[in-house]
Amino acid sequence: MATFEPRMGPEVYKTFAIVIPLSTHFRPATCAEIDCPDYLHGWKIRIEGLPPEMVHAAKHSGRRYSELQVTAGETWLVFEAGQKCFRYTEHRTRLDKPEHFVVHDGDRRGNPRGTRARLHQRAADWQEHFAEHQQGLADAFQRG
């Protein structure tokens, strides 16, 4: 994703954000819960190019697999569907918690004034605040 450098300092910006923290709004999930493609369809790993310790870990992970020799120098470990994938510790599912609707001074570079962020309780209030801010910017632009 391309980034750009703002023309003004962070103190002249305001950030409107909808925040869904991983630590409070998600929990670990199983492969089956998230319809993990590897769990549903199986997966394969090419042996060549992998460090020996990773090949050993894959072969001794307790998962069902077969070894497929395609050509000389091309061997795959083919893992069956219906078993925990190797990325299972990364799987998360969303909890039924509302998002945080936040407005704070500054931008990605920080909040130089150190003002407190405002946390709206309702999405509609956050939207109204955003719309009022946008209108204020449009009015200022019109005035020059």
Foldseek 3Di string as FASTA:
>chain_A
DDDDDDPDAQQVAKDKDWAQDCVPFKDQDFCVVVVPVCQAANDKDWPPPDPPVVVVCVVPVPFDWDWDCPDVVTIMTTTGHNDGDPCSRVHMDTDPDGIWTKMDGGDPVDHVVPDDIDTDPDPVVSVVVVVVVVVVVVVVVVVD
